[in-house]
Amino acid sequence: MDHAFLVDTYGSERFKTLSVWAMFDDADLEVRPHPNLARDRTPREHMVHQCLSEDKWFTTMFGIDEHRRPPASAETRLAFIRRYAEDSAKRLARLAEQDAAWWQQDVAFFDTTHRRAWVMVRRIAHTAHHRAEQTTLLRLLGRQVWSVYGPSVDTGGLPANGARTIYAYPNIEALIAGESRGGEKTVLPGPGSSPSTECAGLSSPPVRGDE
């Protein structure tokens, strides 16, 4: 079985993770925008968790240890972006070197055992789950949300109404360079005049920040 699709998917997931981190403002990192969020993570704590969790999975389940212990010593948004970009690039390169036998090998997965290919699917789902929590934080903070998988309210609403997929940056290199200069994200058109929901009966578009 060809496992290149798992490598390619991990590559796209690291880009999506960094894209979402870039959508926060520097002042957002310690903010809990709703009282009930006292039981969950701030944006900074989400970045810490992503770094620590992914490091643990790759070290213990994939045998890929970069001998560095995240998170970044300076816990700023840009420091997290740079550190995760660097570490995940090394992991991506190591994954690309592995053959089918490595992917099919059974390894310990917490209190059970699974093949590495199965574990990678779960790793990707785990990262996507936390990224969804972070985009919810962005909405609560009133930030714009660029495309992560497809159109969003801020990129024009629904695809049926002509909304486009608009990424904040075309690639990781441009993202780091742009954020290092204070932010050079793609300009968003906003929700437009049509409803941004498939539900009938909504006569006006939501205000920016809703989805």
N, C-alpha and C. Protein backbone atom coordinates (compact mmCIF):
# COMPACT_ATOMS: atom_id res chain seq x y z
N MET A 1 0.85 -1.20 0.00
CA MET A 1 0.00 0.00 0.00
C MET A 1 0.88 1.25 0.00
N ASP A 2 0.53 2.20 -0.83
CA ASP A 2 1.26 3.46 -0.90
C ASP A 2 0.76 4.39 0.21
N HIS A 3 1.64 4.81 1.10
CA HIS A 3 1.26 5.66 2.21
C HIS A 3 1.63 7.12 1.99
N ALA A 4 1.96 7.47 0.76
CA ALA A 4 2.35 8.86 0.48
C ALA A 4 1.23 9.84 0.81
N PHE A 5 -0.02 9.37 0.71
CA PHE A 5 -1.13 10.28 1.00
C PHE A 5 -1.12 10.73 2.46
N LEU A 6 -0.63 9.88 3.35
CA LEU A 6 -0.54 10.27 4.76
C LEU A 6 0.53 11.34 4.95
N VAL A 7 1.63 11.20 4.26
CA VAL A 7 2.68 12.21 4.32
C VAL A 7 2.18 13.53 3.76
N ASP A 8 1.50 13.46 2.61
CA ASP A 8 0.97 14.68 2.00
C ASP A 8 -0.06 15.34 2.90
N THR A 9 -0.89 14.53 3.56
CA THR A 9 -1.92 15.09 4.44
C THR A 9 -1.29 15.74 5.66
N TYR A 10 -0.28 15.11 6.24
CA TYR A 10 0.41 15.75 7.36
C TYR A 10 1.02 17.08 6.92
N GLY A 11 1.57 17.12 5.71
CA GLY A 11 2.13 18.36 5.20
C GLY A 11 1.09 19.46 5.08
N SER A 12 -0.10 19.12 4.61
CA SER A 12 -1.16 20.13 4.50
C SER A 12 -1.70 20.52 5.86
N GLU A 13 -1.71 19.58 6.81
CA GLU A 13 -2.21 19.88 8.15
C GLU A 13 -1.30 20.84 8.89
N ARG A 14 0.01 20.71 8.71
CA ARG A 14 0.92 21.65 9.38
C ARG A 14 0.72 23.06 8.82
N PHE A 15 0.44 23.17 7.54
CA PHE A 15 0.16 24.48 6.94
C PHE A 15 -1.13 25.06 7.50
N LYS A 16 -2.16 24.23 7.64
CA LYS A 16 -3.44 24.71 8.17
C LYS A 16 -3.30 25.16 9.62
N THR A 17 -2.54 24.40 10.40
CA THR A 17 -2.33 24.77 11.81
C THR A 17 -1.64 26.12 11.91
N LEU A 18 -0.58 26.31 11.15
CA LEU A 18 0.13 27.58 11.18
C LEU A 18 -0.73 28.72 10.66
N SER A 19 -1.58 28.44 9.68
CA SER A 19 -2.47 29.48 9.14
C SER A 19 -3.44 29.97 10.21
N VAL A 20 -4.00 29.04 11.00
CA VAL A 20 -4.92 29.43 12.07
C VAL A 20 -4.18 30.22 13.14
N TRP A 21 -2.99 29.81 13.50
CA TRP A 21 -2.22 30.56 14.51
C TRP A 21 -1.95 31.98 14.03
N ALA A 22 -1.73 32.13 12.74
CA ALA A 22 -1.45 33.47 12.20
C ALA A 22 -2.67 34.38 12.25
N MET A 23 -3.87 33.81 12.38
CA MET A 23 -5.09 34.61 12.39
C MET A 23 -5.33 35.29 13.73
N PHE A 24 -4.67 34.83 14.78
CA PHE A 24 -4.78 35.49 16.08
C PHE A 24 -3.94 36.77 16.09
N ASP A 25 -4.34 37.72 16.90
CA ASP A 25 -3.51 38.89 17.17
C ASP A 25 -2.57 38.56 18.34
N ASP A 26 -1.49 39.29 18.44
CA ASP A 26 -0.56 39.06 19.54
C ASP A 26 -1.22 39.23 20.90
N ALA A 27 -2.18 40.15 20.99
CA ALA A 27 -2.84 40.43 22.27
C ALA A 27 -3.87 39.36 22.64
N ASP A 28 -4.14 38.40 21.76
CA ASP A 28 -5.18 37.40 22.00
C ASP A 28 -4.71 36.22 22.84
N LEU A 29 -3.42 36.04 23.01
CA LEU A 29 -2.90 34.77 23.49
C LEU A 29 -3.40 34.35 24.86
N GLU A 30 -3.67 35.29 25.74
CA GLU A 30 -4.12 34.94 27.09
C GLU A 30 -5.60 35.21 27.31
N VAL A 31 -6.34 35.53 26.26
CA VAL A 31 -7.73 35.94 26.42
C VAL A 31 -8.65 34.72 26.43
N ARG A 32 -9.60 34.71 27.38
CA ARG A 32 -10.70 33.73 27.38
C ARG A 32 -11.97 34.54 27.10
N PRO A 33 -12.47 34.53 25.86
CA PRO A 33 -13.54 35.44 25.48
C PRO A 33 -14.93 35.08 26.00
N HIS A 34 -15.04 33.99 26.76
CA HIS A 34 -16.34 33.63 27.34
C HIS A 34 -16.09 33.02 28.71
N PRO A 35 -16.96 33.30 29.71
CA PRO A 35 -16.72 32.77 31.06
C PRO A 35 -16.58 31.25 31.11
N ASN A 36 -17.32 30.54 30.26
CA ASN A 36 -17.25 29.08 30.28
C ASN A 36 -15.91 28.53 29.77
N LEU A 37 -15.12 29.38 29.14
CA LEU A 37 -13.83 28.93 28.62
C LEU A 37 -12.78 28.81 29.71
N ALA A 38 -13.16 29.10 30.94
CA ALA A 38 -12.21 28.93 32.05
C ALA A 38 -11.77 27.48 32.17
N ARG A 39 -12.58 26.56 31.63
CA ARG A 39 -12.24 25.14 31.70
C ARG A 39 -11.51 24.66 30.45
N ASP A 40 -11.21 25.54 29.55
CA ASP A 40 -10.53 25.15 28.32
C ASP A 40 -9.29 26.01 28.11
N ARG A 41 -8.66 25.87 26.95
CA ARG A 41 -7.37 26.49 26.70
C ARG A 41 -7.50 27.88 26.09
N THR A 42 -6.58 28.75 26.45
CA THR A 42 -6.41 30.02 25.75
C THR A 42 -5.68 29.73 24.43
N PRO A 43 -5.62 30.71 23.50
CA PRO A 43 -4.85 30.50 22.28
C PRO A 43 -3.41 30.07 22.55
N ARG A 44 -2.74 30.70 23.51
CA ARG A 44 -1.36 30.30 23.83
C ARG A 44 -1.32 28.87 24.33
N GLU A 45 -2.25 28.51 25.19
CA GLU A 45 -2.27 27.14 25.72
C GLU A 45 -2.55 26.12 24.62
N HIS A 46 -3.35 26.51 23.62
CA HIS A 46 -3.56 25.63 22.47
C HIS A 46 -2.25 25.41 21.72
N MET A 47 -1.46 26.46 21.55
CA MET A 47 -0.20 26.33 20.84
C MET A 47 0.77 25.45 21.62
N VAL A 48 0.81 25.63 22.95
CA VAL A 48 1.64 24.78 23.79
C VAL A 48 1.21 23.32 23.64
N HIS A 49 -0.10 23.08 23.70
CA HIS A 49 -0.60 21.71 23.61
C HIS A 49 -0.24 21.08 22.28
N GLN A 50 -0.41 21.81 21.20
CA GLN A 50 -0.08 21.26 19.87
C GLN A 50 1.39 20.85 19.82
N CYS A 51 2.26 21.70 20.31
CA CYS A 51 3.69 21.40 20.28
C CYS A 51 4.03 20.19 21.14
N LEU A 52 3.53 20.16 22.38
CA LEU A 52 3.84 19.07 23.29
C LEU A 52 3.21 17.76 22.85
N SER A 53 1.94 17.81 22.46
CA SER A 53 1.22 16.61 22.06
C SER A 53 1.85 15.97 20.82
N GLU A 54 2.13 16.79 19.82
CA GLU A 54 2.70 16.24 18.59
C GLU A 54 4.10 15.70 18.84
N ASP A 55 4.88 16.38 19.65
CA ASP A 55 6.21 15.88 20.00
C ASP A 55 6.12 14.52 20.67
N LYS A 56 5.17 14.36 21.59
CA LYS A 56 5.03 13.08 22.30
C LYS A 56 4.61 11.97 21.35
N TRP A 57 3.63 12.24 20.49
CA TRP A 57 3.17 11.22 19.55
C TRP A 57 4.29 10.78 18.63
N PHE A 58 5.01 11.74 18.06
CA PHE A 58 6.06 11.38 17.10
C PHE A 58 7.22 10.66 17.79
N THR A 59 7.54 11.05 19.00
CA THR A 59 8.64 10.42 19.71
C THR A 59 8.29 8.99 20.13
N THR A 60 7.12 8.81 20.70
CA THR A 60 6.77 7.51 21.29
C THR A 60 6.11 6.55 20.31
N MET A 61 5.36 7.06 19.33
CA MET A 61 4.61 6.18 18.43
C MET A 61 5.25 6.02 17.06
N PHE A 62 5.94 7.08 16.61
CA PHE A 62 6.58 7.01 15.30
C PHE A 62 8.09 6.86 15.38
N GLY A 63 8.65 6.99 16.59
CA GLY A 63 10.09 6.86 16.73
C GLY A 63 10.85 7.98 16.07
N ILE A 64 10.22 9.13 15.92
CA ILE A 64 10.85 10.29 15.30
C ILE A 64 11.05 11.33 16.39
N ASP A 65 12.27 11.45 16.84
CA ASP A 65 12.59 12.35 17.96
C ASP A 65 13.62 13.37 17.48
N GLU A 66 13.23 14.63 17.48
CA GLU A 66 14.14 15.69 17.05
C GLU A 66 15.03 16.20 18.19
N HIS A 67 14.91 15.54 19.37
CA HIS A 67 15.77 15.87 20.51
C HIS A 67 15.62 17.33 20.94
N ARG A 68 14.43 17.84 20.74
CA ARG A 68 14.12 19.19 21.22
C ARG A 68 12.79 19.10 21.94
N ARG A 69 12.68 19.81 23.03
CA ARG A 69 11.45 19.76 23.81
C ARG A 69 10.70 21.07 23.69
N PRO A 70 9.61 21.09 22.92
CA PRO A 70 8.80 22.30 22.80
C PRO A 70 8.06 22.55 24.09
N PRO A 71 7.45 23.71 24.26
CA PRO A 71 7.31 24.79 23.28
C PRO A 71 8.51 25.72 23.25
N ALA A 72 8.37 26.76 22.45
CA ALA A 72 9.45 27.73 22.34
C ALA A 72 9.70 28.39 23.69
N SER A 73 10.96 28.75 23.94
CA SER A 73 11.29 29.38 25.22
C SER A 73 10.61 30.74 25.37
N ALA A 74 10.50 31.47 24.27
CA ALA A 74 9.76 32.74 24.28
C ALA A 74 8.39 32.46 23.71
N GLU A 75 7.37 32.44 24.56
CA GLU A 75 6.04 32.02 24.14
C GLU A 75 5.26 33.16 23.50
N THR A 76 5.78 33.67 22.41
CA THR A 76 5.08 34.65 21.60
C THR A 76 4.45 33.93 20.41
N ARG A 77 3.49 34.58 19.79
CA ARG A 77 2.81 33.97 18.64
C ARG A 77 3.79 33.65 17.53
N LEU A 78 4.66 34.59 17.19
CA LEU A 78 5.61 34.37 16.11
C LEU A 78 6.63 33.29 16.48
N ALA A 79 7.02 33.23 17.75
CA ALA A 79 7.96 32.19 18.19
C ALA A 79 7.34 30.81 18.05
N PHE A 80 6.07 30.68 18.42
CA PHE A 80 5.38 29.40 18.25
C PHE A 80 5.31 29.03 16.77
N ILE A 81 4.97 29.99 15.92
CA ILE A 81 4.86 29.73 14.49
C ILE A 81 6.19 29.24 13.94
N ARG A 82 7.25 29.94 14.26
CA ARG A 82 8.56 29.55 13.74
C ARG A 82 9.00 28.18 14.25
N ARG A 83 8.78 27.95 15.54
CA ARG A 83 9.22 26.68 16.13
C ARG A 83 8.43 25.51 15.58
N TYR A 84 7.11 25.64 15.50
CA TYR A 84 6.31 24.53 15.00
C TYR A 84 6.59 24.29 13.52
N ALA A 85 6.80 25.35 12.75
CA ALA A 85 7.14 25.20 11.33
C ALA A 85 8.43 24.42 11.17
N GLU A 86 9.42 24.74 11.98
CA GLU A 86 10.72 24.06 11.89
C GLU A 86 10.62 22.60 12.31
N ASP A 87 10.00 22.35 13.46
CA ASP A 87 9.92 20.98 13.96
C ASP A 87 9.06 20.10 13.06
N SER A 88 7.93 20.61 12.61
CA SER A 88 7.04 19.81 11.77
C SER A 88 7.64 19.55 10.40
N ALA A 89 8.48 20.47 9.91
CA ALA A 89 9.18 20.24 8.64
C ALA A 89 10.14 19.06 8.76
N LYS A 90 10.83 18.96 9.88
CA LYS A 90 11.73 17.83 10.11
C LYS A 90 10.95 16.53 10.21
N ARG A 91 9.82 16.56 10.88
CA ARG A 91 8.99 15.35 10.97
C ARG A 91 8.49 14.94 9.60
N LEU A 92 8.06 15.91 8.81
CA LEU A 92 7.57 15.63 7.47
C LEU A 92 8.65 14.94 6.63
N ALA A 93 9.86 15.43 6.71
CA ALA A 93 10.96 14.84 5.95
C ALA A 93 11.23 13.40 6.40
N ARG A 94 11.16 13.15 7.70
CA ARG A 94 11.39 11.79 8.20
C ARG A 94 10.26 10.86 7.78
N LEU A 95 9.03 11.34 7.80
CA LEU A 95 7.91 10.51 7.36
C LEU A 95 8.06 10.10 5.91
N ALA A 96 8.54 11.02 5.09
CA ALA A 96 8.68 10.75 3.66
C ALA A 96 9.72 9.67 3.38
N GLU A 97 10.60 9.39 4.33
CA GLU A 97 11.65 8.39 4.16
C GLU A 97 11.18 6.97 4.44
N GLN A 98 10.01 6.81 5.06
CA GLN A 98 9.59 5.51 5.56
C GLN A 98 8.95 4.65 4.48
N ASP A 99 9.18 3.32 4.58
CA ASP A 99 8.59 2.39 3.61
C ASP A 99 7.29 1.81 4.14
N ALA A 100 6.65 0.97 3.33
CA ALA A 100 5.35 0.42 3.68
C ALA A 100 5.41 -0.43 4.95
N ALA A 101 6.51 -1.16 5.13
CA ALA A 101 6.63 -2.01 6.32
C ALA A 101 6.62 -1.17 7.59
N TRP A 102 7.26 0.00 7.56
CA TRP A 102 7.28 0.89 8.73
C TRP A 102 5.87 1.36 9.05
N TRP A 103 5.12 1.76 8.04
CA TRP A 103 3.76 2.24 8.25
C TRP A 103 2.83 1.15 8.79
N GLN A 104 3.09 -0.10 8.43
CA GLN A 104 2.23 -1.21 8.84
C GLN A 104 2.64 -1.82 10.16
N GLN A 105 3.71 -1.34 10.74
CA GLN A 105 4.18 -1.89 12.02
C GLN A 105 3.25 -1.50 13.16
N ASP A 106 2.95 -2.47 14.03
CA ASP A 106 2.14 -2.21 15.21
C ASP A 106 2.98 -1.52 16.28
N VAL A 107 2.40 -0.48 16.88
CA VAL A 107 3.09 0.27 17.93
C VAL A 107 2.10 0.55 19.06
N ALA A 108 2.63 0.87 20.22
CA ALA A 108 1.79 1.19 21.37
C ALA A 108 1.06 2.51 21.12
N PHE A 109 -0.24 2.48 21.36
CA PHE A 109 -1.07 3.68 21.26
C PHE A 109 -1.82 3.83 22.57
N PHE A 110 -1.23 4.57 23.50
CA PHE A 110 -1.75 4.70 24.86
C PHE A 110 -1.92 3.31 25.46
N ASP A 111 -3.15 2.85 25.75
CA ASP A 111 -3.31 1.55 26.40
C ASP A 111 -3.67 0.43 25.43
N THR A 112 -3.42 0.65 24.13
CA THR A 112 -3.72 -0.36 23.13
C THR A 112 -2.61 -0.38 22.08
N THR A 113 -2.82 -1.11 20.98
CA THR A 113 -1.82 -1.22 19.92
C THR A 113 -2.48 -1.05 18.57
N HIS A 114 -1.83 -0.26 17.69
CA HIS A 114 -2.34 -0.05 16.34
C HIS A 114 -1.18 0.13 15.38
N ARG A 115 -1.49 -0.04 14.08
CA ARG A 115 -0.48 0.22 13.07
C ARG A 115 -0.19 1.72 12.98
N ARG A 116 1.03 2.03 12.55
CA ARG A 116 1.41 3.43 12.47
C ARG A 116 0.51 4.21 11.50
N ALA A 117 0.08 3.59 10.42
CA ALA A 117 -0.81 4.28 9.48
C ALA A 117 -2.09 4.69 10.18
N TRP A 118 -2.63 3.82 11.01
CA TRP A 118 -3.84 4.12 11.78
C TRP A 118 -3.57 5.27 12.75
N VAL A 119 -2.42 5.22 13.41
CA VAL A 119 -2.06 6.27 14.37
C VAL A 119 -1.96 7.62 13.68
N MET A 120 -1.40 7.65 12.47
CA MET A 120 -1.27 8.92 11.76
C MET A 120 -2.64 9.51 11.43
N VAL A 121 -3.59 8.66 11.05
CA VAL A 121 -4.94 9.16 10.80
C VAL A 121 -5.51 9.80 12.06
N ARG A 122 -5.29 9.15 13.20
CA ARG A 122 -5.77 9.71 14.46
C ARG A 122 -5.03 11.00 14.81
N ARG A 123 -3.73 11.08 14.51
CA ARG A 123 -2.97 12.30 14.78
C ARG A 123 -3.52 13.47 13.97
N ILE A 124 -3.82 13.21 12.71
CA ILE A 124 -4.37 14.25 11.84
C ILE A 124 -5.74 14.69 12.36
N ALA A 125 -6.57 13.73 12.76
CA ALA A 125 -7.90 14.07 13.30
C ALA A 125 -7.78 14.85 14.60
N HIS A 126 -6.80 14.47 15.42
CA HIS A 126 -6.58 15.15 16.70
C HIS A 126 -6.20 16.62 16.48
N THR A 127 -5.31 16.85 15.54
CA THR A 127 -4.90 18.21 15.22
C THR A 127 -6.07 19.01 14.66
N ALA A 128 -6.86 18.41 13.77
CA ALA A 128 -8.01 19.11 13.19
C ALA A 128 -9.03 19.46 14.26
N HIS A 129 -9.21 18.59 15.23
CA HIS A 129 -10.15 18.84 16.33
C HIS A 129 -9.75 20.09 17.10
N HIS A 130 -8.47 20.19 17.44
CA HIS A 130 -8.02 21.36 18.20
C HIS A 130 -8.03 22.62 17.34
N ARG A 131 -7.78 22.46 16.06
CA ARG A 131 -7.83 23.62 15.18
C ARG A 131 -9.26 24.17 15.10
N ALA A 132 -10.25 23.29 15.12
CA ALA A 132 -11.64 23.76 15.14
C ALA A 132 -11.95 24.54 16.40
N GLU A 133 -11.40 24.11 17.54
CA GLU A 133 -11.58 24.86 18.77
C GLU A 133 -10.95 26.25 18.65
N GLN A 134 -9.81 26.32 17.98
CA GLN A 134 -9.13 27.60 17.84
C GLN A 134 -9.89 28.55 16.90
N THR A 135 -10.50 28.02 15.85
CA THR A 135 -11.28 28.90 14.97
C THR A 135 -12.53 29.40 15.70
N THR A 136 -13.06 28.59 16.62
CA THR A 136 -14.16 29.08 17.45
C THR A 136 -13.70 30.24 18.33
N LEU A 137 -12.50 30.13 18.89
CA LEU A 137 -11.94 31.24 19.67
C LEU A 137 -11.79 32.48 18.80
N LEU A 138 -11.34 32.30 17.58
CA LEU A 138 -11.19 33.43 16.67
C LEU A 138 -12.52 34.13 16.45
N ARG A 139 -13.59 33.36 16.27
CA ARG A 139 -14.92 33.95 16.08
C ARG A 139 -15.35 34.71 17.32
N LEU A 140 -15.13 34.12 18.49
CA LEU A 140 -15.52 34.79 19.73
C LEU A 140 -14.72 36.07 19.97
N LEU A 141 -13.51 36.09 19.47
CA LEU A 141 -12.67 37.28 19.61
C LEU A 141 -12.97 38.32 18.54
N GLY A 142 -13.83 37.97 17.58
CA GLY A 142 -14.18 38.92 16.52
C GLY A 142 -13.14 39.02 15.42
N ARG A 143 -12.26 38.02 15.31
CA ARG A 143 -11.23 38.05 14.29
C ARG A 143 -11.77 37.52 12.95
N GLN A 144 -11.15 37.95 11.87
CA GLN A 144 -11.47 37.38 10.57
C GLN A 144 -10.90 35.97 10.46
N VAL A 145 -11.61 35.12 9.73
CA VAL A 145 -11.15 33.75 9.52
C VAL A 145 -11.00 33.50 8.02
N TRP A 146 -9.78 33.30 7.61
CA TRP A 146 -9.50 32.96 6.22
C TRP A 146 -9.85 31.49 5.99
N SER A 147 -9.77 31.04 4.77
CA SER A 147 -10.03 29.63 4.47
C SER A 147 -9.06 28.72 5.19
N VAL A 148 -9.60 27.63 5.70
CA VAL A 148 -8.78 26.55 6.23
C VAL A 148 -8.95 25.32 5.35
N TYR A 149 -10.20 25.00 5.01
CA TYR A 149 -10.50 23.93 4.07
C TYR A 149 -11.22 24.46 2.82
N GLY A 150 -12.04 25.48 2.99
CA GLY A 150 -12.81 26.02 1.88
C GLY A 150 -13.29 27.42 2.24
N PRO A 151 -14.34 27.91 1.56
CA PRO A 151 -14.85 29.26 1.85
C PRO A 151 -15.31 29.40 3.29
N SER A 152 -15.22 30.62 3.82
CA SER A 152 -15.75 30.94 5.13
C SER A 152 -16.65 32.17 4.98
N VAL A 153 -17.26 32.57 6.07
CA VAL A 153 -18.08 33.79 6.02
C VAL A 153 -17.25 34.96 5.50
N ASP A 154 -16.03 35.07 5.97
CA ASP A 154 -15.20 36.22 5.60
C ASP A 154 -14.68 36.16 4.17
N THR A 155 -14.73 34.97 3.55
CA THR A 155 -14.29 34.87 2.15
C THR A 155 -15.47 34.96 1.18
N GLY A 156 -16.65 35.27 1.71
CA GLY A 156 -17.81 35.46 0.84
C GLY A 156 -19.03 34.65 1.19
N GLY A 157 -18.95 33.79 2.20
CA GLY A 157 -20.14 33.04 2.60
C GLY A 157 -20.17 31.65 2.00
N LEU A 158 -21.25 31.34 1.28
CA LEU A 158 -21.45 30.00 0.73
C LEU A 158 -20.87 29.87 -0.67
N PRO A 159 -20.32 28.69 -1.01
CA PRO A 159 -19.84 28.47 -2.38
C PRO A 159 -20.94 28.68 -3.42
N ALA A 160 -22.19 28.34 -3.05
CA ALA A 160 -23.30 28.51 -3.98
C ALA A 160 -23.51 29.97 -4.37
N ASN A 161 -23.05 30.88 -3.52
CA ASN A 161 -23.17 32.31 -3.80
C ASN A 161 -21.86 32.91 -4.34
N GLY A 162 -20.97 32.04 -4.77
CA GLY A 162 -19.74 32.52 -5.37
C GLY A 162 -18.60 32.75 -4.41
N ALA A 163 -18.74 32.32 -3.16
CA ALA A 163 -17.64 32.50 -2.20
C ALA A 163 -16.43 31.69 -2.65
N ARG A 164 -15.27 32.24 -2.42
CA ARG A 164 -14.03 31.60 -2.85
C ARG A 164 -13.24 31.05 -1.67
N THR A 165 -12.36 30.14 -1.98
CA THR A 165 -11.37 29.69 -1.00
C THR A 165 -10.20 30.67 -1.03
N ILE A 166 -10.00 31.37 0.08
CA ILE A 166 -8.96 32.40 0.15
C ILE A 166 -8.10 32.14 1.37
N TYR A 167 -6.87 31.72 1.14
CA TYR A 167 -5.94 31.47 2.23
C TYR A 167 -5.26 32.77 2.66
N ALA A 168 -4.89 32.84 3.91
CA ALA A 168 -4.19 34.03 4.40
C ALA A 168 -2.84 34.19 3.70
N TYR A 169 -2.17 33.06 3.44
CA TYR A 169 -0.88 33.05 2.75
C TYR A 169 -0.84 31.84 1.82
N PRO A 170 -0.06 31.90 0.75
CA PRO A 170 -0.02 30.77 -0.19
C PRO A 170 0.78 29.58 0.32
N ASN A 171 1.71 29.79 1.25
CA ASN A 171 2.54 28.71 1.76
C ASN A 171 3.16 29.13 3.09
N ILE A 172 3.86 28.19 3.72
CA ILE A 172 4.43 28.45 5.03
C ILE A 172 5.54 29.49 4.98
N GLU A 173 6.34 29.46 3.94
CA GLU A 173 7.43 30.43 3.83
C GLU A 173 6.88 31.86 3.78
N ALA A 174 5.83 32.06 2.97
CA ALA A 174 5.22 33.38 2.87
C ALA A 174 4.56 33.77 4.18
N LEU A 175 3.99 32.80 4.87
CA LEU A 175 3.33 33.07 6.16
C LEU A 175 4.34 33.59 7.17
N ILE A 176 5.45 32.91 7.32
CA ILE A 176 6.45 33.33 8.30
C ILE A 176 7.03 34.70 7.93
N ALA A 177 7.31 34.89 6.65
CA ALA A 177 7.86 36.17 6.21
C ALA A 177 6.86 37.30 6.44
N GLY A 178 5.59 37.06 6.10
CA GLY A 178 4.57 38.10 6.26
C GLY A 178 4.31 38.43 7.71
N GLU A 179 4.20 37.41 8.56
CA GLU A 179 3.95 37.66 9.98
C GLU A 179 5.16 38.30 10.65
N SER A 180 6.36 38.01 10.15
CA SER A 180 7.57 38.64 10.70
C SER A 180 7.60 40.13 10.42
N ARG A 181 6.88 40.53 9.37
CA ARG A 181 6.82 41.95 9.02
C ARG A 181 5.54 42.60 9.55
N GLY A 182 4.85 41.95 10.45
CA GLY A 182 3.66 42.54 11.05
C GLY A 182 2.35 42.08 10.46
N GLY A 183 2.40 41.21 9.47
CA GLY A 183 1.18 40.67 8.87
C GLY A 183 0.93 41.19 7.48
N GLU A 184 0.89 40.26 6.51
CA GLU A 184 0.62 40.62 5.12
C GLU A 184 -0.39 39.65 4.52
N LYS A 185 -1.45 39.39 5.26
CA LYS A 185 -2.45 38.42 4.83
C LYS A 185 -3.23 38.93 3.62
N THR A 186 -3.78 38.00 2.87
CA THR A 186 -4.63 38.32 1.74
C THR A 186 -5.86 39.11 2.22
N VAL A 187 -6.25 40.13 1.49
CA VAL A 187 -7.43 40.92 1.84
C VAL A 187 -8.69 40.09 1.61
N LEU A 188 -9.60 40.12 2.57
CA LEU A 188 -10.84 39.34 2.49
C LEU A 188 -12.00 40.22 2.03
N PRO A 189 -12.94 39.66 1.26
CA PRO A 189 -14.07 40.44 0.77
C PRO A 189 -15.18 40.62 1.79
N GLY A 190 -15.23 39.77 2.84
CA GLY A 190 -16.33 39.84 3.79
C GLY A 190 -17.49 38.97 3.36
N PRO A 191 -18.57 38.93 4.14
CA PRO A 191 -19.65 37.96 3.91
C PRO A 191 -20.51 38.24 2.68
N GLY A 192 -20.52 39.44 2.17
CA GLY A 192 -21.38 39.74 1.03
C GLY A 192 -22.82 39.96 1.45
N SER A 193 -23.71 40.04 0.46
CA SER A 193 -25.11 40.39 0.74
C SER A 193 -26.03 39.19 0.91
N SER A 194 -25.54 38.00 0.63
CA SER A 194 -26.38 36.79 0.72
C SER A 194 -26.20 36.11 2.07
N PRO A 195 -27.21 35.35 2.52
CA PRO A 195 -27.06 34.63 3.78
C PRO A 195 -25.88 33.67 3.74
N SER A 196 -25.22 33.52 4.85
CA SER A 196 -24.08 32.62 4.92
C SER A 196 -24.44 31.30 5.58
N THR A 197 -25.70 30.89 5.43
CA THR A 197 -26.16 29.62 5.96
C THR A 197 -27.09 28.97 4.95
N GLU A 198 -27.12 27.65 4.96
CA GLU A 198 -28.04 26.92 4.08
C GLU A 198 -29.45 26.85 4.64
N CYS A 199 -29.65 27.29 5.88
CA CYS A 199 -30.96 27.22 6.51
C CYS A 199 -31.91 28.25 5.91
N ALA A 200 -33.12 27.82 5.60
CA ALA A 200 -34.11 28.72 5.02
C ALA A 200 -34.60 29.69 6.07
N GLY A 201 -35.02 30.88 5.61
CA GLY A 201 -35.65 31.84 6.50
C GLY A 201 -34.72 32.92 7.02
N LEU A 202 -33.43 32.80 6.73
CA LEU A 202 -32.51 33.84 7.17
C LEU A 202 -32.43 34.87 6.06
N SER A 203 -32.95 36.05 6.30
CA SER A 203 -33.10 37.03 5.24
C SER A 203 -31.90 37.97 5.10
N SER A 204 -31.04 38.01 6.09
CA SER A 204 -29.92 38.94 6.03
C SER A 204 -28.63 38.19 6.40
N PRO A 205 -27.50 38.63 5.87
CA PRO A 205 -26.24 37.95 6.19
C PRO A 205 -25.84 38.20 7.65
N PRO A 206 -25.10 37.27 8.24
CA PRO A 206 -24.64 37.49 9.62
C PRO A 206 -23.60 38.60 9.65
N VAL A 207 -23.45 39.18 10.81
CA VAL A 207 -22.42 40.19 10.96
C VAL A 207 -21.06 39.51 10.90
N ARG A 208 -20.03 40.27 10.55
CA ARG A 208 -18.69 39.69 10.46
C ARG A 208 -18.31 39.09 11.78
N GLY A 209 -17.78 37.87 11.69
CA GLY A 209 -17.39 37.16 12.89
C GLY A 209 -18.32 36.02 13.22
N ASP A 210 -19.55 36.01 12.63
CA ASP A 210 -20.45 34.88 12.84
C ASP A 210 -20.24 33.86 11.73
N GLU A 211 -20.66 32.64 12.01
CA GLU A 211 -20.54 31.59 10.98
C GLU A 211 -21.54 30.50 11.25
